[in-house]
N, C-alpha and C. Protein backbone atom coordinates (compact mmCIF):
# COMPACT_ATOMS: atom_id res chain seq x y z
N MET A 1 -16.01 253.55 61.41
CA MET A 1 -16.62 253.17 60.18
C MET A 1 -16.74 254.35 59.23
N ALA A 2 -16.76 255.54 59.76
CA ALA A 2 -16.90 256.73 58.91
C ALA A 2 -15.69 256.87 58.00
N HIS A 3 -14.52 256.48 58.50
CA HIS A 3 -13.31 256.57 57.66
C HIS A 3 -13.39 255.58 56.48
N VAL A 4 -13.92 254.39 56.77
CA VAL A 4 -14.02 253.38 55.73
C VAL A 4 -15.01 253.83 54.66
N ARG A 5 -16.10 254.45 55.06
CA ARG A 5 -17.08 254.93 54.09
C ARG A 5 -16.52 256.10 53.27
N GLY A 6 -15.57 256.81 53.78
CA GLY A 6 -15.01 257.96 53.08
C GLY A 6 -14.00 257.60 52.03
N LEU A 7 -13.59 256.31 51.94
CA LEU A 7 -12.60 255.93 50.95
C LEU A 7 -13.18 256.08 49.55
N LYS A 8 -12.33 256.44 48.64
CA LYS A 8 -12.75 256.63 47.25
C LYS A 8 -12.95 255.32 46.54
N LYS A 9 -13.66 255.42 45.41
CA LYS A 9 -13.93 254.22 44.61
C LYS A 9 -12.63 253.60 44.10
N ASP A 10 -11.62 254.41 43.80
CA ASP A 10 -10.35 253.87 43.31
C ASP A 10 -9.70 253.01 44.38
N VAL A 11 -9.79 253.41 45.62
CA VAL A 11 -9.19 252.64 46.71
C VAL A 11 -9.90 251.30 46.85
N TRP A 12 -11.23 251.33 46.83
CA TRP A 12 -12.00 250.09 46.96
C TRP A 12 -11.75 249.18 45.75
N GLY A 13 -11.74 249.76 44.57
CA GLY A 13 -11.49 248.99 43.35
C GLY A 13 -10.09 248.38 43.36
N GLY A 14 -9.09 249.16 43.78
CA GLY A 14 -7.74 248.66 43.89
C GLY A 14 -7.61 247.55 44.90
N LEU A 15 -8.29 247.70 46.02
CA LEU A 15 -8.29 246.67 47.06
C LEU A 15 -8.91 245.39 46.55
N LEU A 16 -10.03 245.52 45.86
CA LEU A 16 -10.70 244.35 45.31
C LEU A 16 -9.83 243.65 44.26
N MET A 17 -9.24 244.44 43.39
CA MET A 17 -8.33 243.84 42.36
C MET A 17 -7.15 243.16 42.99
N THR A 18 -6.59 243.75 44.03
CA THR A 18 -5.44 243.17 44.71
C THR A 18 -5.83 241.83 45.36
N CYS A 19 -6.97 241.80 46.02
CA CYS A 19 -7.41 240.60 46.68
C CYS A 19 -7.68 239.47 45.67
N ILE A 20 -8.35 239.82 44.57
CA ILE A 20 -8.62 238.78 43.54
C ILE A 20 -7.32 238.31 42.93
N GLY A 21 -6.39 239.23 42.66
CA GLY A 21 -5.10 238.84 42.09
C GLY A 21 -4.32 237.92 42.99
N ILE A 22 -4.29 238.23 44.28
CA ILE A 22 -3.59 237.37 45.25
C ILE A 22 -4.27 236.01 45.32
N TRP A 23 -5.60 236.01 45.34
CA TRP A 23 -6.33 234.75 45.41
C TRP A 23 -6.01 233.86 44.20
N VAL A 24 -6.02 234.45 43.00
CA VAL A 24 -5.74 233.71 41.78
C VAL A 24 -4.27 233.18 41.84
N ALA A 25 -3.35 234.04 42.23
CA ALA A 25 -1.95 233.62 42.27
C ALA A 25 -1.73 232.50 43.28
N VAL A 26 -2.34 232.57 44.44
CA VAL A 26 -2.19 231.54 45.44
C VAL A 26 -2.78 230.22 44.98
N HIS A 27 -3.95 230.28 44.34
CA HIS A 27 -4.59 229.04 43.89
C HIS A 27 -3.92 228.46 42.65
N SER A 28 -3.21 229.27 41.90
CA SER A 28 -2.51 228.75 40.71
C SER A 28 -1.32 227.90 41.08
N ILE A 29 -0.80 228.10 42.26
CA ILE A 29 0.37 227.35 42.71
C ILE A 29 0.01 225.86 42.93
N SER A 30 -1.28 225.56 43.10
CA SER A 30 -1.69 224.17 43.27
C SER A 30 -1.47 223.35 41.99
N TYR A 31 -1.32 224.05 40.86
CA TYR A 31 -0.97 223.39 39.59
C TYR A 31 0.54 223.46 39.42
N SER A 32 1.02 222.72 38.48
CA SER A 32 2.46 222.79 38.16
C SER A 32 2.73 224.10 37.44
N VAL A 33 3.59 224.93 38.04
CA VAL A 33 3.88 226.24 37.45
C VAL A 33 4.93 226.10 36.35
N GLY A 34 5.95 225.34 36.56
CA GLY A 34 6.99 225.16 35.55
C GLY A 34 7.93 226.34 35.52
N THR A 35 8.58 226.48 34.37
CA THR A 35 9.51 227.60 34.18
C THR A 35 9.07 228.42 32.98
N LEU A 36 9.82 229.46 32.69
CA LEU A 36 9.46 230.32 31.56
C LEU A 36 9.59 229.57 30.23
N THR A 37 10.55 228.68 30.13
CA THR A 37 10.72 227.93 28.87
C THR A 37 9.83 226.71 28.80
N HIS A 38 9.43 226.16 29.94
CA HIS A 38 8.54 225.00 29.99
C HIS A 38 7.40 225.31 30.94
N MET A 39 6.45 226.10 30.48
CA MET A 39 5.36 226.56 31.33
C MET A 39 4.38 225.44 31.63
N GLY A 40 3.99 225.38 32.89
CA GLY A 40 2.96 224.43 33.29
C GLY A 40 1.60 225.10 33.29
N PRO A 41 0.56 224.34 33.63
CA PRO A 41 -0.79 224.93 33.61
C PRO A 41 -1.02 226.01 34.66
N GLY A 42 -0.18 226.12 35.66
CA GLY A 42 -0.35 227.17 36.68
C GLY A 42 0.43 228.42 36.38
N TYR A 43 1.26 228.42 35.35
CA TYR A 43 2.13 229.58 35.06
C TYR A 43 1.32 230.80 34.65
N PHE A 44 0.41 230.63 33.69
CA PHE A 44 -0.37 231.75 33.17
C PHE A 44 -1.26 232.36 34.26
N PRO A 45 -2.03 231.56 35.02
CA PRO A 45 -2.85 232.16 36.09
C PRO A 45 -1.97 232.86 37.17
N LEU A 46 -0.80 232.31 37.44
CA LEU A 46 0.10 232.94 38.40
C LEU A 46 0.54 234.31 37.91
N ALA A 47 0.93 234.38 36.64
CA ALA A 47 1.36 235.66 36.07
C ALA A 47 0.21 236.65 36.03
N LEU A 48 -0.96 236.23 35.61
CA LEU A 48 -2.10 237.12 35.56
C LEU A 48 -2.51 237.59 36.97
N GLY A 49 -2.48 236.69 37.94
CA GLY A 49 -2.81 237.07 39.31
C GLY A 49 -1.85 238.09 39.86
N ALA A 50 -0.55 237.91 39.58
CA ALA A 50 0.45 238.87 40.05
C ALA A 50 0.26 240.23 39.37
N ILE A 51 0.00 240.23 38.07
CA ILE A 51 -0.22 241.46 37.34
C ILE A 51 -1.46 242.17 37.86
N LEU A 52 -2.52 241.41 38.10
CA LEU A 52 -3.76 241.99 38.63
C LEU A 52 -3.53 242.59 40.03
N ALA A 53 -2.81 241.88 40.87
CA ALA A 53 -2.54 242.41 42.21
C ALA A 53 -1.70 243.67 42.16
N LEU A 54 -0.67 243.69 41.33
CA LEU A 54 0.16 244.90 41.20
C LEU A 54 -0.62 246.08 40.64
N THR A 55 -1.48 245.79 39.66
CA THR A 55 -2.31 246.87 39.11
C THR A 55 -3.29 247.38 40.17
N GLY A 56 -3.85 246.50 40.96
CA GLY A 56 -4.74 246.92 42.04
C GLY A 56 -4.03 247.77 43.08
N ILE A 57 -2.79 247.40 43.39
CA ILE A 57 -2.01 248.22 44.34
C ILE A 57 -1.77 249.60 43.76
N ALA A 58 -1.43 249.68 42.49
CA ALA A 58 -1.17 250.99 41.84
C ALA A 58 -2.44 251.85 41.83
N ILE A 59 -3.56 251.24 41.53
CA ILE A 59 -4.83 251.99 41.51
C ILE A 59 -5.20 252.46 42.91
N GLY A 60 -5.01 251.58 43.91
CA GLY A 60 -5.31 251.97 45.28
C GLY A 60 -4.43 253.11 45.76
N ILE A 61 -3.15 253.06 45.44
CA ILE A 61 -2.25 254.14 45.84
C ILE A 61 -2.63 255.45 45.14
N LYS A 62 -2.99 255.36 43.88
CA LYS A 62 -3.43 256.55 43.16
C LYS A 62 -4.68 257.13 43.79
N GLY A 63 -5.60 256.27 44.21
CA GLY A 63 -6.81 256.72 44.86
C GLY A 63 -6.56 257.37 46.21
N LEU A 64 -5.56 256.88 46.93
CA LEU A 64 -5.24 257.48 48.23
C LEU A 64 -4.55 258.83 48.10
N THR A 65 -3.72 258.95 47.07
CA THR A 65 -2.96 260.16 46.91
C THR A 65 -3.67 261.24 46.08
N ALA A 66 -4.80 260.90 45.48
CA ALA A 66 -5.52 261.88 44.66
C ALA A 66 -6.08 262.99 45.54
N ASP A 67 -6.22 264.15 44.95
CA ASP A 67 -6.72 265.31 45.66
C ASP A 67 -8.19 265.09 46.07
N SER A 68 -8.45 265.09 47.34
CA SER A 68 -9.81 264.85 47.82
C SER A 68 -10.71 266.03 47.59
N GLY A 69 -10.19 267.19 47.26
CA GLY A 69 -11.00 268.37 47.01
C GLY A 69 -11.69 268.32 45.66
N GLN A 70 -11.23 267.44 44.79
CA GLN A 70 -11.85 267.36 43.48
C GLN A 70 -12.94 266.29 43.51
N ARG A 71 -14.09 266.71 43.84
CA ARG A 71 -15.25 265.79 43.84
C ARG A 71 -15.97 265.88 42.52
N ARG A 72 -16.26 264.73 41.96
CA ARG A 72 -17.02 264.72 40.73
C ARG A 72 -18.50 264.91 41.06
N SER A 73 -19.12 265.72 40.27
CA SER A 73 -20.56 265.87 40.48
C SER A 73 -21.25 264.61 39.92
N ALA A 74 -22.38 264.31 40.50
CA ALA A 74 -23.11 263.12 40.04
C ALA A 74 -23.61 263.38 38.63
N ARG A 75 -23.14 262.53 37.71
CA ARG A 75 -23.52 262.69 36.33
C ARG A 75 -24.46 261.53 35.93
N ARG A 76 -25.19 261.78 34.89
CA ARG A 76 -26.07 260.73 34.38
C ARG A 76 -25.20 259.66 33.68
N PRO A 77 -25.73 258.46 33.59
CA PRO A 77 -24.99 257.41 32.89
C PRO A 77 -24.74 257.81 31.44
N GLU A 78 -23.65 257.40 30.91
CA GLU A 78 -23.28 257.68 29.52
C GLU A 78 -23.89 256.62 28.63
N TRP A 79 -25.15 256.74 28.31
CA TRP A 79 -25.83 255.72 27.53
C TRP A 79 -25.26 255.57 26.12
N LYS A 80 -24.90 256.69 25.53
CA LYS A 80 -24.31 256.62 24.18
C LYS A 80 -23.04 255.78 24.20
N ALA A 81 -22.19 256.02 25.17
CA ALA A 81 -20.93 255.29 25.27
C ALA A 81 -21.20 253.80 25.51
N TRP A 82 -22.12 253.47 26.40
CA TRP A 82 -22.45 252.10 26.67
C TRP A 82 -22.96 251.40 25.41
N MET A 83 -23.85 252.04 24.71
CA MET A 83 -24.42 251.43 23.49
C MET A 83 -23.36 251.25 22.42
N LEU A 84 -22.51 252.24 22.22
CA LEU A 84 -21.48 252.14 21.19
C LEU A 84 -20.41 251.09 21.52
N ILE A 85 -20.05 250.97 22.76
CA ILE A 85 -19.08 249.95 23.15
C ILE A 85 -19.68 248.56 22.98
N CYS A 86 -20.92 248.37 23.37
CA CYS A 86 -21.59 247.08 23.14
C CYS A 86 -21.72 246.81 21.64
N ALA A 87 -22.05 247.84 20.85
CA ALA A 87 -22.14 247.67 19.39
C ALA A 87 -20.77 247.30 18.82
N GLY A 88 -19.71 247.86 19.36
CA GLY A 88 -18.36 247.52 18.92
C GLY A 88 -18.03 246.06 19.18
N LEU A 89 -18.46 245.55 20.31
CA LEU A 89 -18.20 244.12 20.60
C LEU A 89 -19.01 243.22 19.66
N ILE A 90 -20.23 243.60 19.40
CA ILE A 90 -21.06 242.81 18.47
C ILE A 90 -20.46 242.87 17.07
N ALA A 91 -19.98 244.07 16.69
CA ALA A 91 -19.36 244.24 15.38
C ALA A 91 -18.13 243.35 15.25
N PHE A 92 -17.34 243.18 16.31
CA PHE A 92 -16.18 242.31 16.24
C PHE A 92 -16.58 240.89 15.98
N ILE A 93 -17.61 240.43 16.66
CA ILE A 93 -18.08 239.04 16.50
C ILE A 93 -18.51 238.81 15.04
N VAL A 94 -19.32 239.73 14.52
CA VAL A 94 -19.86 239.56 13.18
C VAL A 94 -18.76 239.72 12.13
N PHE A 95 -17.96 240.77 12.24
CA PHE A 95 -16.94 241.04 11.23
C PHE A 95 -15.83 239.98 11.26
N ALA A 96 -15.47 239.50 12.45
CA ALA A 96 -14.42 238.46 12.51
C ALA A 96 -14.88 237.18 11.84
N LYS A 97 -16.15 236.88 11.94
CA LYS A 97 -16.66 235.65 11.32
C LYS A 97 -16.75 235.78 9.80
N TYR A 98 -17.11 236.95 9.33
CA TYR A 98 -17.40 237.07 7.91
C TYR A 98 -16.34 237.77 7.07
N VAL A 99 -15.55 238.69 7.63
CA VAL A 99 -14.59 239.45 6.82
C VAL A 99 -13.18 239.48 7.34
N GLY A 100 -12.91 238.92 8.52
CA GLY A 100 -11.53 238.80 8.98
C GLY A 100 -11.12 239.79 10.07
N LEU A 101 -9.89 239.64 10.52
CA LEU A 101 -9.36 240.40 11.64
C LEU A 101 -9.22 241.89 11.34
N VAL A 102 -8.80 242.24 10.16
CA VAL A 102 -8.56 243.66 9.84
C VAL A 102 -9.85 244.45 9.95
N ALA A 103 -10.91 244.00 9.29
CA ALA A 103 -12.18 244.70 9.33
C ALA A 103 -12.81 244.66 10.71
N ALA A 104 -12.66 243.53 11.41
CA ALA A 104 -13.23 243.39 12.75
C ALA A 104 -12.57 244.37 13.72
N THR A 105 -11.24 244.46 13.64
CA THR A 105 -10.52 245.37 14.53
C THR A 105 -10.89 246.81 14.23
N PHE A 106 -10.89 247.17 12.93
CA PHE A 106 -11.23 248.55 12.57
C PHE A 106 -12.63 248.91 13.06
N ALA A 107 -13.61 248.03 12.79
CA ALA A 107 -15.00 248.33 13.18
C ALA A 107 -15.14 248.44 14.68
N THR A 108 -14.52 247.54 15.42
CA THR A 108 -14.64 247.56 16.89
C THR A 108 -14.06 248.83 17.47
N VAL A 109 -12.85 249.18 17.05
CA VAL A 109 -12.18 250.35 17.64
C VAL A 109 -12.90 251.63 17.20
N PHE A 110 -13.29 251.72 15.93
CA PHE A 110 -13.95 252.91 15.41
C PHE A 110 -15.29 253.16 16.13
N ILE A 111 -16.11 252.12 16.20
CA ILE A 111 -17.42 252.28 16.84
C ILE A 111 -17.28 252.58 18.33
N SER A 112 -16.38 251.88 19.02
CA SER A 112 -16.20 252.11 20.44
C SER A 112 -15.60 253.47 20.71
N ALA A 113 -14.69 253.95 19.88
CA ALA A 113 -14.06 255.25 20.09
C ALA A 113 -15.07 256.39 19.94
N LEU A 114 -16.10 256.18 19.14
CA LEU A 114 -17.14 257.21 19.01
C LEU A 114 -17.95 257.36 20.29
N GLY A 115 -17.84 256.43 21.22
CA GLY A 115 -18.51 256.54 22.50
C GLY A 115 -17.94 257.63 23.38
N ASP A 116 -16.68 258.02 23.14
CA ASP A 116 -16.05 259.10 23.89
C ASP A 116 -16.54 260.42 23.30
N ARG A 117 -17.08 261.26 24.13
CA ARG A 117 -17.64 262.52 23.62
C ARG A 117 -16.58 263.46 23.06
N ASP A 118 -15.31 263.25 23.38
CA ASP A 118 -14.25 264.10 22.87
C ASP A 118 -13.71 263.63 21.53
N ASN A 119 -14.08 262.45 21.09
CA ASN A 119 -13.56 261.91 19.83
C ASN A 119 -14.44 262.36 18.65
N SER A 120 -13.79 262.70 17.58
CA SER A 120 -14.48 262.97 16.33
C SER A 120 -14.35 261.70 15.46
N TRP A 121 -15.00 261.71 14.32
CA TRP A 121 -14.88 260.54 13.44
C TRP A 121 -13.49 260.43 12.89
N ARG A 122 -12.78 261.56 12.75
CA ARG A 122 -11.40 261.54 12.27
C ARG A 122 -10.45 260.92 13.28
N SER A 123 -10.59 261.33 14.54
CA SER A 123 -9.71 260.76 15.56
C SER A 123 -10.04 259.28 15.79
N ALA A 124 -11.33 258.94 15.69
CA ALA A 124 -11.70 257.52 15.83
C ALA A 124 -11.13 256.70 14.67
N SER A 125 -11.15 257.27 13.49
CA SER A 125 -10.57 256.58 12.33
C SER A 125 -9.04 256.37 12.48
N ALA A 126 -8.37 257.43 12.94
CA ALA A 126 -6.92 257.34 13.13
C ALA A 126 -6.57 256.28 14.18
N LEU A 127 -7.32 256.26 15.26
CA LEU A 127 -7.12 255.27 16.32
C LEU A 127 -7.38 253.88 15.79
N ALA A 128 -8.44 253.72 15.01
CA ALA A 128 -8.80 252.41 14.46
C ALA A 128 -7.72 251.91 13.49
N ILE A 129 -7.20 252.79 12.65
CA ILE A 129 -6.14 252.40 11.72
C ILE A 129 -4.87 251.99 12.48
N ALA A 130 -4.54 252.75 13.52
CA ALA A 130 -3.36 252.40 14.32
C ALA A 130 -3.55 251.05 15.00
N MET A 131 -4.73 250.77 15.51
CA MET A 131 -4.97 249.49 16.17
C MET A 131 -5.01 248.34 15.18
N VAL A 132 -5.46 248.61 13.96
CA VAL A 132 -5.39 247.56 12.93
C VAL A 132 -3.95 247.18 12.65
N ILE A 133 -3.08 248.17 12.55
CA ILE A 133 -1.66 247.90 12.30
C ILE A 133 -1.08 247.10 13.46
N VAL A 134 -1.35 247.51 14.68
CA VAL A 134 -0.87 246.78 15.86
C VAL A 134 -1.43 245.36 15.87
N GLY A 135 -2.71 245.21 15.59
CA GLY A 135 -3.35 243.89 15.57
C GLY A 135 -2.77 242.95 14.55
N VAL A 136 -2.51 243.50 13.34
CA VAL A 136 -1.93 242.67 12.29
C VAL A 136 -0.51 242.24 12.67
N VAL A 137 0.29 243.17 13.20
CA VAL A 137 1.66 242.84 13.59
C VAL A 137 1.66 241.81 14.73
N VAL A 138 0.89 242.09 15.79
CA VAL A 138 0.93 241.21 16.96
C VAL A 138 0.23 239.90 16.71
N PHE A 139 -1.03 239.93 16.29
CA PHE A 139 -1.82 238.71 16.19
C PHE A 139 -1.65 237.98 14.86
N GLY A 140 -1.47 238.75 13.80
CA GLY A 140 -1.36 238.10 12.48
C GLY A 140 0.03 237.56 12.22
N TRP A 141 1.06 238.35 12.47
CA TRP A 141 2.41 237.94 12.13
C TRP A 141 3.18 237.33 13.30
N ALA A 142 3.15 238.00 14.47
CA ALA A 142 3.96 237.52 15.58
C ALA A 142 3.39 236.26 16.24
N LEU A 143 2.10 236.29 16.57
CA LEU A 143 1.49 235.16 17.28
C LEU A 143 0.84 234.14 16.34
N LYS A 144 0.67 234.49 15.09
CA LYS A 144 0.08 233.59 14.09
C LYS A 144 -1.28 233.05 14.57
N VAL A 145 -2.15 233.95 15.05
CA VAL A 145 -3.47 233.56 15.49
C VAL A 145 -4.25 233.04 14.29
N GLN A 146 -5.08 232.03 14.50
CA GLN A 146 -5.79 231.36 13.42
C GLN A 146 -6.94 232.15 12.82
N LEU A 147 -7.13 233.39 13.23
CA LEU A 147 -8.17 234.25 12.63
C LEU A 147 -7.55 234.90 11.41
N PRO A 148 -8.13 234.64 10.21
CA PRO A 148 -7.52 235.20 8.99
C PRO A 148 -7.61 236.73 8.98
N LEU A 149 -6.62 237.36 8.35
CA LEU A 149 -6.63 238.81 8.26
C LEU A 149 -7.77 239.31 7.35
N PHE A 150 -7.94 238.62 6.25
CA PHE A 150 -9.02 238.96 5.30
C PHE A 150 -9.74 237.68 4.89
N LYS A 151 -11.04 237.75 4.77
CA LYS A 151 -11.80 236.65 4.20
C LYS A 151 -13.16 237.16 3.80
N TRP A 152 -13.86 236.37 3.04
CA TRP A 152 -15.19 236.77 2.61
C TRP A 152 -16.12 235.59 2.79
N GLY A 153 -17.20 235.80 3.56
CA GLY A 153 -18.16 234.73 3.80
C GLY A 153 -17.99 234.12 5.18
N GLY A 154 -18.91 233.29 5.55
CA GLY A 154 -18.91 232.70 6.89
C GLY A 154 -18.02 231.49 7.02
N ALA A 155 -17.76 231.16 8.28
CA ALA A 155 -17.01 229.99 8.72
C ALA A 155 -15.96 229.64 7.76
């Protein structure tokens, strides 16, 4: 049991992700999966379960191969980061409802990026602008998501 307790958090996290991914993939087969051109209701959960399992395997392998000599010292919780990330999520909800996708994406990324102690307001702004461009291209133009890019007022 001492060996099991000595495993790193990455290994345990990867194992948990792999198990959940396999469970989702196995249970999604009970629905009609279909094909890539005619997807059934089980196709999306199957794909997500497989991606989750593969990601878990990659994280677990990284945790096993990481240098065990590099122990992190116990640090205090990053309250600033937690608060700013939660504020970013709230900002997305409010901004998406009242001013559209562009402002919501910028506010969310900018506020959340400030939670990283290495980010300045300039780097957070640059990241937010880049994500707005990606969001407009992917969600606004390619996927035609029903959230307007710009609007003023509620609902």
